């Protein structure tokens, strides 16, 4: 269900779109591709020239290749639309420093420590910051929701609805229910 209709008339000024797609490769690795665009609904004057309404101010891509262990095997970044041509895109190769990082364990800290601030592009870094949750969703369809065994299912204790003290866990994962908080 969408948000309620706003009580006051308004005019849209800007649209940011962020899309992630996950792919299984024939070499048993996985690609997670992110795409970020910022588009104005009006002409936008920059020092580098006017961006016409509908023309992206930012149009950026990132591909992260991982194994089932969530370790980054390769990373590729491309900047097609940017406010400062021949400047913003120069940082693309530096993102290769993230090869070897784990998307599951400390990735965001590693990302910001390595590529935050002037060490990277704030928009590409922001795009990559959501790679861990996008990767979890990519892999979620490849394994059973309730896996047999003694290990607690991955999704438990990762959000309020699946905290092991909730009625949701009592109902759907009774073996992991810890009782009311």
Protein backbone atom coordinates (compact mmCIF):
# COMPACT_ATOMS: atom_id res chain seq x y z
CA UNK A 1 0.00 0.00 0.00
CA UNK A 2 1.50 3.38 -0.95
CA UNK A 3 1.80 6.36 1.36
CA UNK A 4 -1.27 8.46 2.05
CA UNK A 5 -2.05 11.24 -0.42
CA UNK A 6 -0.30 14.42 0.76
CA UNK A 7 -2.72 17.07 2.06
CA UNK A 8 -1.04 19.88 0.05
CA UNK A 9 -0.29 20.18 -3.68
CA UNK A 10 3.35 19.69 -4.55
CA UNK A 11 5.75 19.52 -7.51
CA UNK A 12 8.35 16.79 -7.83
CA UNK A 13 11.88 18.16 -8.16
CA UNK A 14 14.15 15.14 -8.08
CA UNK A 15 14.18 11.36 -8.46
CA UNK A 16 16.88 9.07 -7.15
CA UNK A 17 16.64 5.48 -8.30
CA UNK A 18 18.76 2.67 -6.92
CA UNK A 19 18.38 -0.81 -8.37
CA UNK A 20 20.23 -4.01 -7.50
CA UNK A 21 20.19 -7.18 -9.59
CA UNK A 22 21.77 -10.49 -8.68
CA UNK A 23 23.13 -13.02 -11.16
CA UNK A 24 24.44 -16.58 -10.91
CA UNK A 25 27.46 -17.04 -13.15
CA UNK A 26 28.45 -20.20 -14.99
CA UNK A 27 31.72 -20.31 -13.01
CA UNK A 28 29.75 -20.76 -9.74
CA UNK A 29 30.34 -17.18 -8.62
CA UNK A 30 27.66 -14.49 -8.31
CA UNK A 31 27.44 -10.93 -9.60
CA UNK A 32 25.54 -8.25 -7.74
CA UNK A 33 25.01 -5.17 -9.90
CA UNK A 34 23.89 -1.83 -8.53
CA UNK A 35 22.76 1.20 -10.54
CA UNK A 36 22.16 4.68 -9.10
CA UNK A 37 20.63 7.62 -10.96
CA UNK A 38 19.77 11.15 -9.85
CA UNK A 39 17.45 12.99 -12.24
CA UNK A 40 16.00 16.49 -11.91
CA UNK A 41 12.55 17.40 -13.20
CA UNK A 42 13.81 20.84 -14.24
CA UNK A 43 16.85 22.23 -15.99
CA UNK A 44 19.73 22.29 -13.54
CA UNK A 45 22.68 24.67 -13.89
CA UNK A 46 26.05 23.27 -12.90
CA UNK A 47 29.44 24.93 -13.30
CA UNK A 48 30.13 22.30 -15.98
CA UNK A 49 26.97 23.14 -17.93
CA UNK A 50 23.20 22.86 -17.76
CA UNK A 51 21.63 19.45 -17.26
CA UNK A 52 18.30 19.38 -19.00
CA UNK A 53 15.25 18.06 -17.15
CA UNK A 54 15.29 14.26 -17.29
CA UNK A 55 19.04 14.01 -18.00
CA UNK A 56 20.88 12.21 -15.18
CA UNK A 57 23.15 14.26 -12.98
CA UNK A 58 24.48 10.97 -11.60
CA UNK A 59 24.40 7.67 -13.51
CA UNK A 60 26.63 5.17 -11.73
CA UNK A 61 27.10 1.42 -11.79
CA UNK A 62 28.88 -1.10 -9.59
CA UNK A 63 29.34 -4.85 -10.06
CA UNK A 64 30.52 -6.91 -7.10
CA UNK A 65 31.49 -10.53 -7.77
CA UNK A 66 31.28 -12.86 -4.76
CA UNK A 67 31.28 -16.54 -3.91
CA UNK A 68 28.79 -18.28 -1.63
CA UNK A 69 31.06 -17.17 1.22
CA UNK A 70 30.20 -13.50 0.43
CA UNK A 71 33.88 -12.64 -0.11
CA UNK A 72 34.42 -10.00 -2.81
CA UNK A 73 36.36 -11.62 -5.68
CA UNK A 74 36.14 -8.67 -8.10
CA UNK A 75 34.59 -5.23 -8.30
CA UNK A 76 33.94 -2.94 -11.22
CA UNK A 77 32.65 0.65 -11.05
CA UNK A 78 31.48 2.83 -13.96
CA UNK A 79 30.34 6.44 -13.93
CA UNK A 80 28.33 7.35 -17.02
CA UNK A 81 26.73 10.55 -15.72
CA UNK A 82 28.50 12.90 -13.32
CA UNK A 83 28.60 16.59 -12.42
CA UNK A 84 32.35 16.87 -13.13
CA UNK A 85 33.33 14.89 -16.25
CA UNK A 86 36.90 13.61 -16.33
CA UNK A 87 37.14 14.06 -12.57
CA UNK A 88 34.39 12.06 -10.80
CA UNK A 89 35.13 8.95 -12.86
CA UNK A 90 38.88 8.92 -12.15
CA UNK A 91 38.29 7.15 -8.83
CA UNK A 92 36.70 4.05 -10.40
CA UNK A 93 39.81 1.78 -10.23
CA UNK A 94 40.38 2.58 -6.53
CA UNK A 95 37.32 0.50 -5.59
CA UNK A 96 39.42 -2.57 -6.41
CA UNK A 97 40.83 -2.14 -2.89
CA UNK A 98 37.63 -3.84 -1.67
CA UNK A 99 38.57 -7.20 -3.23
CA UNK A 100 38.91 -9.68 -0.37
CA UNK A 101 36.39 -7.93 1.88
CA UNK A 102 33.45 -9.88 3.29
CA UNK A 103 29.96 -8.57 2.53
CA UNK A 104 28.75 -10.22 5.74
CA UNK A 105 31.40 -9.21 8.24
CA UNK A 106 32.30 -5.54 8.55
CA UNK A 107 31.84 -4.59 4.90
CA UNK A 108 30.38 -1.15 5.55
CA UNK A 109 33.18 -0.26 7.96
CA UNK A 110 35.77 -1.49 5.47
CA UNK A 111 34.01 0.42 2.68
CA UNK A 112 33.93 3.72 4.57
CA UNK A 113 37.45 3.29 5.98
CA UNK A 114 38.81 2.52 2.51
CA UNK A 115 36.66 4.65 0.19
CA UNK A 116 34.87 7.17 2.43
CA UNK A 117 35.22 10.93 2.06
CA UNK A 118 37.84 12.12 -0.42
CA UNK A 119 39.16 8.56 -0.90
CA UNK A 120 36.17 7.73 -3.11
CA UNK A 121 32.98 8.96 -4.74
CA UNK A 122 30.27 9.59 -2.16
CA UNK A 123 27.57 8.32 -4.54
CA UNK A 124 29.35 5.09 -5.54
CA UNK A 125 30.26 4.45 -1.91
CA UNK A 126 26.63 4.96 -0.92
CA UNK A 127 25.54 2.56 -3.67
CA UNK A 128 27.99 -0.09 -2.45
CA UNK A 129 26.93 0.37 1.19
CA UNK A 130 23.71 -1.54 0.46
CA UNK A 131 25.50 -4.41 -1.30
CA UNK A 132 25.44 -6.66 1.81
CA UNK A 133 21.65 -6.65 2.18
CA UNK A 134 21.16 -6.94 -1.59
CA UNK A 135 23.51 -9.95 -1.61
CA UNK A 136 21.62 -11.58 1.26
CA UNK A 137 18.42 -11.22 -0.75
CA UNK A 138 20.16 -12.61 -3.84
CA UNK A 139 21.21 -15.73 -1.95
CA UNK A 140 17.97 -16.07 0.04
CA UNK A 141 16.13 -17.65 -2.87
CA UNK A 142 18.86 -20.25 -3.25
CA UNK A 143 18.48 -21.82 0.15
CA UNK A 144 15.52 -23.05 2.12
CA UNK A 145 13.93 -20.63 4.56
CA UNK A 146 14.15 -23.22 7.30
CA UNK A 147 17.29 -25.25 6.99
CA UNK A 148 17.65 -28.56 8.77
CA UNK A 149 20.39 -28.74 11.34
CA UNK A 150 21.54 -27.19 14.55
CA UNK A 151 22.48 -23.77 13.21
CA UNK A 152 20.07 -20.92 13.90
CA UNK A 153 18.48 -19.68 10.63
CA UNK A 154 20.38 -16.70 9.28
CA UNK A 155 17.45 -14.28 9.34
CA UNK A 156 16.68 -14.62 13.07
CA UNK A 157 17.66 -11.71 15.34
CA UNK A 158 18.31 -9.45 12.32
CA UNK A 159 15.10 -7.36 12.55
CA UNK A 160 12.38 -6.60 15.09
CA UNK A 161 9.87 -9.09 13.60
CA UNK A 162 12.34 -11.97 13.79
CA UNK A 163 13.85 -11.31 17.20
CA UNK A 164 13.85 -14.67 18.93
CA UNK A 165 11.61 -13.33 21.72
CA UNK A 166 8.70 -12.46 19.39
CA UNK A 167 5.45 -14.25 18.66
CA UNK A 168 6.54 -14.46 15.01
CA UNK A 169 9.48 -16.66 15.97
CA UNK A 170 7.33 -18.62 18.43
CA UNK A 171 4.90 -19.37 15.58
CA UNK A 172 7.25 -20.01 12.64
CA UNK A 173 10.54 -21.03 14.30
CA UNK A 174 9.42 -22.57 17.63
CA UNK A 175 12.73 -24.37 18.21
CA UNK A 176 14.49 -20.98 18.30
CA UNK A 177 11.96 -19.12 20.46
CA UNK A 178 13.57 -17.76 23.68
CA UNK A 179 10.44 -16.55 25.43
CA UNK A 180 9.10 -13.05 25.91
CA UNK A 181 11.68 -10.30 26.48
